[in-house]
């Protein structure tokens, strides 16, 4: 089912999206990480950045992209001056 915010509630969208989330055990292969660089915490995981940086220290620097976001609330979506 496609995510349709006009039909689905927030929890339904989150539940559908969770079905497609990779498990922490999938991360090393997808991200070219060593197995001990991923620390699983249930359905999510933490990366051991110090181990990753030490392993990659001889490689040339790459680009770092940080993605952040917020979940809009009904008040934020309908605040004055928007649309």
PDB file of N, CA and C in Angstrom:
ATOM      1  N   UNK A   1       0.840  -1.179   0.000  1.00  0.00           N
ATOM      2  CA  UNK A   1       0.000   0.000   0.000  1.00  0.00           C
ATOM      3  C   UNK A   1       0.893   1.253   0.000  1.00  0.00           C
ATOM      4  N   UNK A   2       0.696   2.174  -0.942  1.00  0.00           N
ATOM      5  CA  UNK A   2       1.489   3.405  -0.947  1.00  0.00           C
ATOM      6  C   UNK A   2       1.149   4.262   0.283  1.00  0.00           C
ATOM      7  N   UNK A   3       2.133   5.032   0.731  1.00  0.00           N
ATOM      8  CA  UNK A   3       1.909   5.901   1.888  1.00  0.00           C
ATOM      9  C   UNK A   3       1.047   7.079   1.456  1.00  0.00           C
ATOM     10  N   UNK A   4      -0.139   7.153   1.977  1.00  0.00           N
ATOM     11  CA  UNK A   4      -1.052   8.230   1.624  1.00  0.00           C
ATOM     12  C   UNK A   4      -1.485   8.936   2.907  1.00  0.00           C
ATOM     13  N   UNK A   5      -0.906  10.122   3.203  1.00  0.00           N
ATOM     14  CA  UNK A   5      -1.242  10.812   4.443  1.00  0.00           C
ATOM     15  C   UNK A   5      -2.686  11.306   4.499  1.00  0.00           C
ATOM     16  N   UNK A   6      -3.372  11.298   3.363  1.00  0.00           N
ATOM     17  CA  UNK A   6      -4.773  11.705   3.383  1.00  0.00           C
ATOM     18  C   UNK A   6      -5.682  10.570   3.851  1.00  0.00           C
ATOM     19  N   UNK A   7      -5.185   9.330   3.749  1.00  0.00           N
ATOM     20  CA  UNK A   7      -5.986   8.165   4.125  1.00  0.00           C
ATOM     21  C   UNK A   7      -5.425   7.490   5.379  1.00  0.00           C
ATOM     22  N   UNK A   8      -4.096   7.456   5.482  1.00  0.00           N
ATOM     23  CA  UNK A   8      -3.443   6.734   6.578  1.00  0.00           C
ATOM     24  C   UNK A   8      -3.085   7.687   7.718  1.00  0.00           C
ATOM     25  N   UNK A   9      -3.153   7.178   8.940  1.00  0.00           N
ATOM     26  CA  UNK A   9      -2.696   7.975  10.082  1.00  0.00           C
ATOM     27  C   UNK A   9      -1.177   7.820  10.207  1.00  0.00           C
ATOM     28  N   UNK A  10      -0.568   8.657  11.052  1.00  0.00           N
ATOM     29  CA  UNK A  10       0.892   8.640  11.214  1.00  0.00           C
ATOM     30  C   UNK A  10       1.401   7.258  11.606  1.00  0.00           C
ATOM     31  N   UNK A  11       0.727   6.615  12.552  1.00  0.00           N
ATOM     32  CA  UNK A  11       1.205   5.305  13.023  1.00  0.00           C
ATOM     33  C   UNK A  11       1.116   4.253  11.927  1.00  0.00           C
ATOM     34  N   UNK A  12       0.129   4.353  11.046  1.00  0.00           N
ATOM     35  CA  UNK A  12       0.010   3.392   9.946  1.00  0.00           C
ATOM     36  C   UNK A  12       1.150   3.578   8.941  1.00  0.00           C
ATOM     37  N   UNK A  13       1.500   4.824   8.650  1.00  0.00           N
ATOM     38  CA  UNK A  13       2.615   5.106   7.744  1.00  0.00           C
ATOM     39  C   UNK A  13       3.913   4.586   8.352  1.00  0.00           C
ATOM     40  N   UNK A  14       4.123   4.834   9.648  1.00  0.00           N
ATOM     41  CA  UNK A  14       5.340   4.366  10.322  1.00  0.00           C
ATOM     42  C   UNK A  14       5.406   2.842  10.321  1.00  0.00           C
ATOM     43  N   UNK A  15       4.279   2.192  10.545  1.00  0.00           N
ATOM     44  CA  UNK A  15       4.245   0.728  10.565  1.00  0.00           C
ATOM     45  C   UNK A  15       4.581   0.148   9.192  1.00  0.00           C
ATOM     46  N   UNK A  16       4.067   0.751   8.130  1.00  0.00           N
ATOM     47  CA  UNK A  16       4.370   0.287   6.769  1.00  0.00           C
ATOM     48  C   UNK A  16       5.840   0.532   6.426  1.00  0.00           C
ATOM     49  N   UNK A  17       6.360   1.703   6.797  1.00  0.00           N
ATOM     50  CA  UNK A  17       7.753   2.029   6.496  1.00  0.00           C
ATOM     51  C   UNK A  17       8.704   1.091   7.233  1.00  0.00           C
ATOM     52  N   UNK A  18       8.339   0.697   8.452  1.00  0.00           N
ATOM     53  CA  UNK A  18       9.197  -0.180   9.241  1.00  0.00           C
ATOM     54  C   UNK A  18       9.381  -1.546   8.578  1.00  0.00           C
ATOM     55  N   UNK A  19       8.416  -1.977   7.803  1.00  0.00           N
ATOM     56  CA  UNK A  19       8.508  -3.277   7.116  1.00  0.00           C
ATOM     57  C   UNK A  19       9.655  -3.286   6.101  1.00  0.00           C
ATOM     58  N   UNK A  20      10.012  -2.109   5.565  1.00  0.00           N
ATOM     59  CA  UNK A  20      11.064  -2.009   4.549  1.00  0.00           C
ATOM     60  C   UNK A  20      12.408  -1.575   5.116  1.00  0.00           C
ATOM     61  N   UNK A  21      12.470  -1.321   6.425  1.00  0.00           N
ATOM     62  CA  UNK A  21      13.724  -0.878   7.035  1.00  0.00           C
ATOM     63  C   UNK A  21      14.727  -2.016   7.086  1.00  0.00           C
ATOM     64  N   UNK A  22      15.979  -1.762   6.707  1.00  0.00           N
ATOM     65  CA  UNK A  22      16.987  -2.815   6.837  1.00  0.00           C
ATOM     66  C   UNK A  22      17.273  -3.091   8.309  1.00  0.00           C
ATOM     67  N   UNK A  23      17.559  -4.322   8.621  1.00  0.00           N
ATOM     68  CA  UNK A  23      17.922  -4.709   9.985  1.00  0.00           C
ATOM     69  C   UNK A  23      19.392  -4.362  10.220  1.00  0.00           C
ATOM     70  N   UNK A  24      19.784  -4.154  11.479  1.00  0.00           N
ATOM     71  CA  UNK A  24      21.201  -3.850  11.755  1.00  0.00           C
ATOM     72  C   UNK A  24      22.161  -4.889  11.178  1.00  0.00           C
ATOM     73  N   UNK A  25      21.743  -6.134  11.074  1.00  0.00           N
ATOM     74  CA  UNK A  25      22.615  -7.170  10.505  1.00  0.00           C
ATOM     75  C   UNK A  25      22.850  -6.954   9.011  1.00  0.00           C
ATOM     76  N   UNK A  26      21.995  -6.167   8.347  1.00  0.00           N
ATOM     77  CA  UNK A  26      22.151  -5.863   6.917  1.00  0.00           C
ATOM     78  C   UNK A  26      23.114  -4.694   6.672  1.00  0.00           C
ATOM     79  N   UNK A  27      23.351  -3.872   7.685  1.00  0.00           N
ATOM     80  CA  UNK A  27      24.124  -2.650   7.512  1.00  0.00           C
ATOM     81  C   UNK A  27      25.555  -2.867   7.053  1.00  0.00           C
ATOM     82  N   UNK A  28      26.307  -3.808   7.639  1.00  0.00           N
ATOM     83  CA  UNK A  28      27.710  -3.944   7.208  1.00  0.00           C
ATOM     84  C   UNK A  28      27.848  -4.166   5.700  1.00  0.00           C
ATOM     85  N   UNK A  29      27.040  -5.030   5.131  1.00  0.00           N
ATOM     86  CA  UNK A  29      27.140  -5.296   3.691  1.00  0.00           C
ATOM     87  C   UNK A  29      26.715  -4.080   2.871  1.00  0.00           C
ATOM     88  N   UNK A  30      25.650  -3.396   3.291  1.00  0.00           N
ATOM     89  CA  UNK A  30      25.146  -2.251   2.525  1.00  0.00           C
ATOM     90  C   UNK A  30      26.055  -1.034   2.618  1.00  0.00           C
ATOM     91  N   UNK A  31      26.724  -0.869   3.755  1.00  0.00           N
ATOM     92  CA  UNK A  31      27.533   0.331   3.993  1.00  0.00           C
ATOM     93  C   UNK A  31      29.034   0.074   3.968  1.00  0.00           C
ATOM     94  N   UNK A  32      29.450  -1.121   3.569  1.00  0.00           N
ATOM     95  CA  UNK A  32      30.864  -1.498   3.548  1.00  0.00           C
ATOM     96  C   UNK A  32      31.531  -1.312   4.905  1.00  0.00           C
ATOM     97  N   UNK A  33      30.874  -1.800   5.934  1.00  0.00           N
ATOM     98  CA  UNK A  33      31.394  -1.721   7.289  1.00  0.00           C
ATOM     99  C   UNK A  33      31.853  -3.095   7.752  1.00  0.00           C
ATOM    100  N   UNK A  34      32.737  -3.094   8.734  1.00  0.00           N
ATOM    101  CA  UNK A  34      33.125  -4.337   9.385  1.00  0.00           C
ATOM    102  C   UNK A  34      32.030  -4.709  10.377  1.00  0.00           C
ATOM    103  N   UNK A  35      31.902  -5.993  10.656  1.00  0.00           N
ATOM    104  CA  UNK A  35      30.831  -6.449  11.538  1.00  0.00           C
ATOM    105  C   UNK A  35      30.925  -5.811  12.927  1.00  0.00           C
ATOM    106  N   UNK A  36      32.136  -5.627  13.458  1.00  0.00           N
ATOM    107  CA  UNK A  36      32.272  -5.064  14.803  1.00  0.00           C
ATOM    108  C   UNK A  36      32.099  -3.541  14.845  1.00  0.00           C
ATOM    109  N   UNK A  37      31.872  -2.893  13.705  1.00  0.00           N
ATOM    110  CA  UNK A  37      31.638  -1.442  13.664  1.00  0.00           C
ATOM    111  C   UNK A  37      30.162  -1.096  13.828  1.00  0.00           C
ATOM    112  N   UNK A  38      29.306  -2.110  13.824  1.00  0.00           N
ATOM    113  CA  UNK A  38      27.869  -1.906  14.002  1.00  0.00           C
ATOM    114  C   UNK A  38      27.466  -2.520  15.338  1.00  0.00           C
ATOM    115  N   UNK A  39      26.897  -1.693  16.210  1.00  0.00           N
ATOM    116  CA  UNK A  39      26.479  -2.158  17.531  1.00  0.00           C
ATOM    117  C   UNK A  39      24.954  -2.187  17.554  1.00  0.00           C
ATOM    118  N   UNK A  40      24.338  -3.370  17.477  1.00  0.00           N
ATOM    119  CA  UNK A  40      22.874  -3.442  17.411  1.00  0.00           C
ATOM    120  C   UNK A  40      22.197  -3.135  18.749  1.00  0.00           C
ATOM    121  N   UNK A  41      21.072  -2.450  18.654  1.00  0.00           N
ATOM    122  CA  UNK A  41      20.202  -2.170  19.788  1.00  0.00           C
ATOM    123  C   UNK A  41      18.786  -2.513  19.355  1.00  0.00           C
ATOM    124  N   UNK A  42      18.425  -3.786  19.350  1.00  0.00           N
ATOM    125  CA  UNK A  42      17.096  -4.206  18.919  1.00  0.00           C
ATOM    126  C   UNK A  42      16.919  -3.995  17.431  1.00  0.00           C
ATOM    127  N   UNK A  43      15.927  -3.189  17.042  1.00  0.00           N
ATOM    128  CA  UNK A  43      15.641  -2.941  15.621  1.00  0.00           C
ATOM    129  C   UNK A  43      16.514  -1.843  15.026  1.00  0.00           C
ATOM    130  N   UNK A  44      17.250  -1.131  15.865  1.00  0.00           N
ATOM    131  CA  UNK A  44      18.127  -0.064  15.390  1.00  0.00           C
ATOM    132  C   UNK A  44      19.557  -0.406  15.778  1.00  0.00           C
ATOM    133  N   UNK A  45      20.499   0.410  15.385  1.00  0.00           N
ATOM    134  CA  UNK A  45      21.896   0.150  15.711  1.00  0.00           C
ATOM    135  C   UNK A  45      22.656   1.457  15.841  1.00  0.00           C
ATOM    136  N   UNK A  46      23.811   1.351  16.432  1.00  0.00           N
ATOM    137  CA  UNK A  46      24.723   2.477  16.568  1.00  0.00           C
ATOM    138  C   UNK A  46      26.004   2.112  15.832  1.00  0.00           C
ATOM    139  N   UNK A  47      26.616   3.091  15.205  1.00  0.00           N
ATOM    140  CA  UNK A  47      27.883   2.844  14.525  1.00  0.00           C
ATOM    141  C   UNK A  47      29.028   3.270  15.427  1.00  0.00           C
ATOM    142  N   UNK A  48      30.084   2.481  15.453  1.00  0.00           N
ATOM    143  CA  UNK A  48      31.278   2.822  16.218  1.00  0.00           C
ATOM    144  C   UNK A  48      32.169   3.674  15.313  1.00  0.00           C
ATOM    145  N   UNK A  49      31.940   4.982  15.347  1.00  0.00           N
ATOM    146  CA  UNK A  49      32.621   5.903  14.439  1.00  0.00           C
ATOM    147  C   UNK A  49      34.131   5.920  14.647  1.00  0.00           C
ATOM    148  N   UNK A  50      34.597   5.724  15.882  1.00  0.00           N
ATOM    149  CA  UNK A  50      36.036   5.729  16.130  1.00  0.00           C
ATOM    150  C   UNK A  50      36.715   4.579  15.397  1.00  0.00           C
ATOM    151  N   UNK A  51      36.117   3.389  15.427  1.00  0.00           N
ATOM    152  CA  UNK A  51      36.683   2.250  14.699  1.00  0.00           C
ATOM    153  C   UNK A  51      36.653   2.494  13.194  1.00  0.00           C
ATOM    154  N   UNK A  52      35.563   3.076  12.715  1.00  0.00           N
ATOM    155  CA  UNK A  52      35.425   3.339  11.284  1.00  0.00           C
ATOM    156  C   UNK A  52      36.479   4.359  10.836  1.00  0.00           C
ATOM    157  N   UNK A  53      36.632   5.442  11.606  1.00  0.00           N
ATOM    158  CA  UNK A  53      37.608   6.472  11.241  1.00  0.00           C
ATOM    159  C   UNK A  53      39.035   5.926  11.290  1.00  0.00           C
ATOM    160  N   UNK A  54      39.339   5.090  12.273  1.00  0.00           N
ATOM    161  CA  UNK A  54      40.676   4.512  12.368  1.00  0.00           C
ATOM    162  C   UNK A  54      40.956   3.608  11.168  1.00  0.00           C
ATOM    163  N   UNK A  55      39.963   2.785  10.790  1.00  0.00           N
ATOM    164  CA  UNK A  55      40.148   1.876   9.654  1.00  0.00           C
ATOM    165  C   UNK A  55      40.333   2.647   8.352  1.00  0.00           C
ATOM    166  N   UNK A  56      39.638   3.774   8.207  1.00  0.00           N
ATOM    167  CA  UNK A  56      39.675   4.540   6.961  1.00  0.00           C
ATOM    168  C   UNK A  56      40.682   5.693   6.982  1.00  0.00           C
ATOM    169  N   UNK A  57      41.516   5.769   8.006  1.00  0.00           N
ATOM    170  CA  UNK A  57      42.414   6.922   8.155  1.00  0.00           C
ATOM    171  C   UNK A  57      43.407   7.073   7.001  1.00  0.00           C
ATOM    172  N   UNK A  58      43.766   6.004   6.345  1.00  0.00           N
ATOM    173  CA  UNK A  58      44.721   6.078   5.226  1.00  0.00           C
ATOM    174  C   UNK A  58      44.071   6.453   3.900  1.00  0.00           C
ATOM    175  N   UNK A  59      42.747   6.453   3.863  1.00  0.00           N
ATOM    176  CA  UNK A  59      42.036   6.779   2.615  1.00  0.00           C
ATOM    177  C   UNK A  59      41.856   8.294   2.508  1.00  0.00           C
ATOM    178  N   UNK A  60      41.719   8.821   1.292  1.00  0.00           N
ATOM    179  CA  UNK A  60      41.480  10.264   1.157  1.00  0.00           C
ATOM    180  C   UNK A  60      40.125  10.651   1.747  1.00  0.00           C
ATOM    181  N   UNK A  61      40.064  11.901   2.217  1.00  0.00           N
ATOM    182  CA  UNK A  61      38.815  12.387   2.806  1.00  0.00           C
ATOM    183  C   UNK A  61      37.695  12.389   1.772  1.00  0.00           C
ATOM    184  N   UNK A  62      36.505  12.098   2.238  1.00  0.00           N
ATOM    185  CA  UNK A  62      35.325  12.129   1.383  1.00  0.00           C
ATOM    186  C   UNK A  62      34.436  13.298   1.777  1.00  0.00           C
ATOM    187  N   UNK A  63      33.190  13.201   1.437  1.00  0.00           N
ATOM    188  CA  UNK A  63      32.237  14.256   1.770  1.00  0.00           C
ATOM    189  C   UNK A  63      31.333  13.749   2.883  1.00  0.00           C
ATOM    190  N   UNK A  64      30.965  14.624   3.779  1.00  0.00           N
ATOM    191  CA  UNK A  64      30.081  14.295   4.887  1.00  0.00           C
ATOM    192  C   UNK A  64      28.760  15.008   4.655  1.00  0.00           C
ATOM    193  N   UNK A  65      27.695  14.256   4.649  1.00  0.00           N
ATOM    194  CA  UNK A  65      26.363  14.833   4.462  1.00  0.00           C
ATOM    195  C   UNK A  65      25.531  14.479   5.677  1.00  0.00           C
ATOM    196  N   UNK A  66      25.020  15.490   6.350  1.00  0.00           N
ATOM    197  CA  UNK A  66      24.174  15.253   7.514  1.00  0.00           C
ATOM    198  C   UNK A  66      22.742  15.581   7.128  1.00  0.00           C
ATOM    199  N   UNK A  67      21.871  14.645   7.356  1.00  0.00           N
ATOM    200  CA  UNK A  67      20.458  14.829   7.023  1.00  0.00           C
ATOM    201  C   UNK A  67      19.680  14.899   8.320  1.00  0.00           C
ATOM    202  N   UNK A  68      18.932  15.964   8.483  1.00  0.00           N
ATOM    203  CA  UNK A  68      18.096  16.109   9.674  1.00  0.00           C
ATOM    204  C   UNK A  68      16.681  16.416   9.233  1.00  0.00           C
ATOM    205  N   UNK A  69      15.772  16.290  10.127  1.00  0.00           N
ATOM    206  CA  UNK A  69      14.388  16.594   9.787  1.00  0.00           C
ATOM    207  C   UNK A  69      13.534  16.657  11.028  1.00  0.00           C
ATOM    208  N   UNK A  70      12.338  17.128  10.846  1.00  0.00           N
ATOM    209  CA  UNK A  70      11.373  17.162  11.938  1.00  0.00           C
ATOM    210  C   UNK A  70      10.078  16.554  11.440  1.00  0.00           C
ATOM    211  N   UNK A  71       9.288  16.096  12.368  1.00  0.00           N
ATOM    212  CA  UNK A  71       7.972  15.594  12.023  1.00  0.00           C
ATOM    213  C   UNK A  71       6.993  16.748  12.170  1.00  0.00           C
ATOM    214  N   UNK A  72       6.308  17.114  11.093  1.00  0.00           N
ATOM    215  CA  UNK A  72       5.376  18.229  11.210  1.00  0.00           C
ATOM    216  C   UNK A  72       4.207  17.866  12.122  1.00  0.00           C
ATOM    217  N   UNK A  73       3.757  18.852  12.849  1.00  0.00           N
ATOM    218  CA  UNK A  73       2.593  18.659  13.714  1.00  0.00           C
ATOM    219  C   UNK A  73       1.404  19.361  13.095  1.00  0.00           C
ATOM    220  N   UNK A  74       0.209  19.025  13.521  1.00  0.00           N
ATOM    221  CA  UNK A  74      -0.956  19.744  12.979  1.00  0.00           C
ATOM    222  C   UNK A  74      -0.847  21.249  13.173  1.00  0.00           C
ATOM    223  N   UNK A  75      -0.285  21.688  14.307  1.00  0.00           N
ATOM    224  CA  UNK A  75      -0.149  23.134  14.534  1.00  0.00           C
ATOM    225  C   UNK A  75       0.873  23.741  13.569  1.00  0.00           C
ATOM    226  N   UNK A  76       1.981  23.040  13.335  1.00  0.00           N
ATOM    227  CA  UNK A  76       3.004  23.548  12.442  1.00  0.00           C
ATOM    228  C   UNK A  76       2.527  23.571  10.988  1.00  0.00           C
ATOM    229  N   UNK A  77       1.733  22.592  10.611  1.00  0.00           N
ATOM    230  CA  UNK A  77       1.260  22.506   9.235  1.00  0.00           C
ATOM    231  C   UNK A  77       0.245  23.594   8.925  1.00  0.00           C
ATOM    232  N   UNK A  78      -0.425  24.100   9.955  1.00  0.00           N
ATOM    233  CA  UNK A  78      -1.480  25.093   9.729  1.00  0.00           C
ATOM    234  C   UNK A  78      -1.145  26.438  10.366  1.00  0.00           C
ATOM    235  N   UNK A  79       0.155  26.703  10.533  1.00  0.00           N
ATOM    236  CA  UNK A  79       0.518  27.968  11.159  1.00  0.00           C
ATOM    237  C   UNK A  79       0.268  29.123  10.198  1.00  0.00           C
ATOM    238  N   UNK A  80       0.023  30.315  10.735  1.00  0.00           N
ATOM    239  CA  UNK A  80      -0.227  31.489   9.880  1.00  0.00           C
ATOM    240  C   UNK A  80       0.935  31.766   8.959  1.00  0.00           C
ATOM    241  N   UNK A  81       0.649  32.178   7.758  1.00  0.00           N
ATOM    242  CA  UNK A  81       1.670  32.539   6.800  1.00  0.00           C
ATOM    243  C   UNK A  81       2.108  31.386   5.914  1.00  0.00           C
ATOM    244  N   UNK A  82       1.568  30.204   6.119  1.00  0.00           N
ATOM    245  CA  UNK A  82       1.938  29.056   5.289  1.00  0.00           C
ATOM    246  C   UNK A  82       0.759  28.744   4.374  1.00  0.00           C
ATOM    247  N   UNK A  83       1.010  28.819   3.099  1.00  0.00           N
ATOM    248  CA  UNK A  83       0.042  28.396   2.087  1.00  0.00           C
ATOM    249  C   UNK A  83      -1.185  29.150   2.120  1.00  0.00           C
TER     250      UNK A  83
END
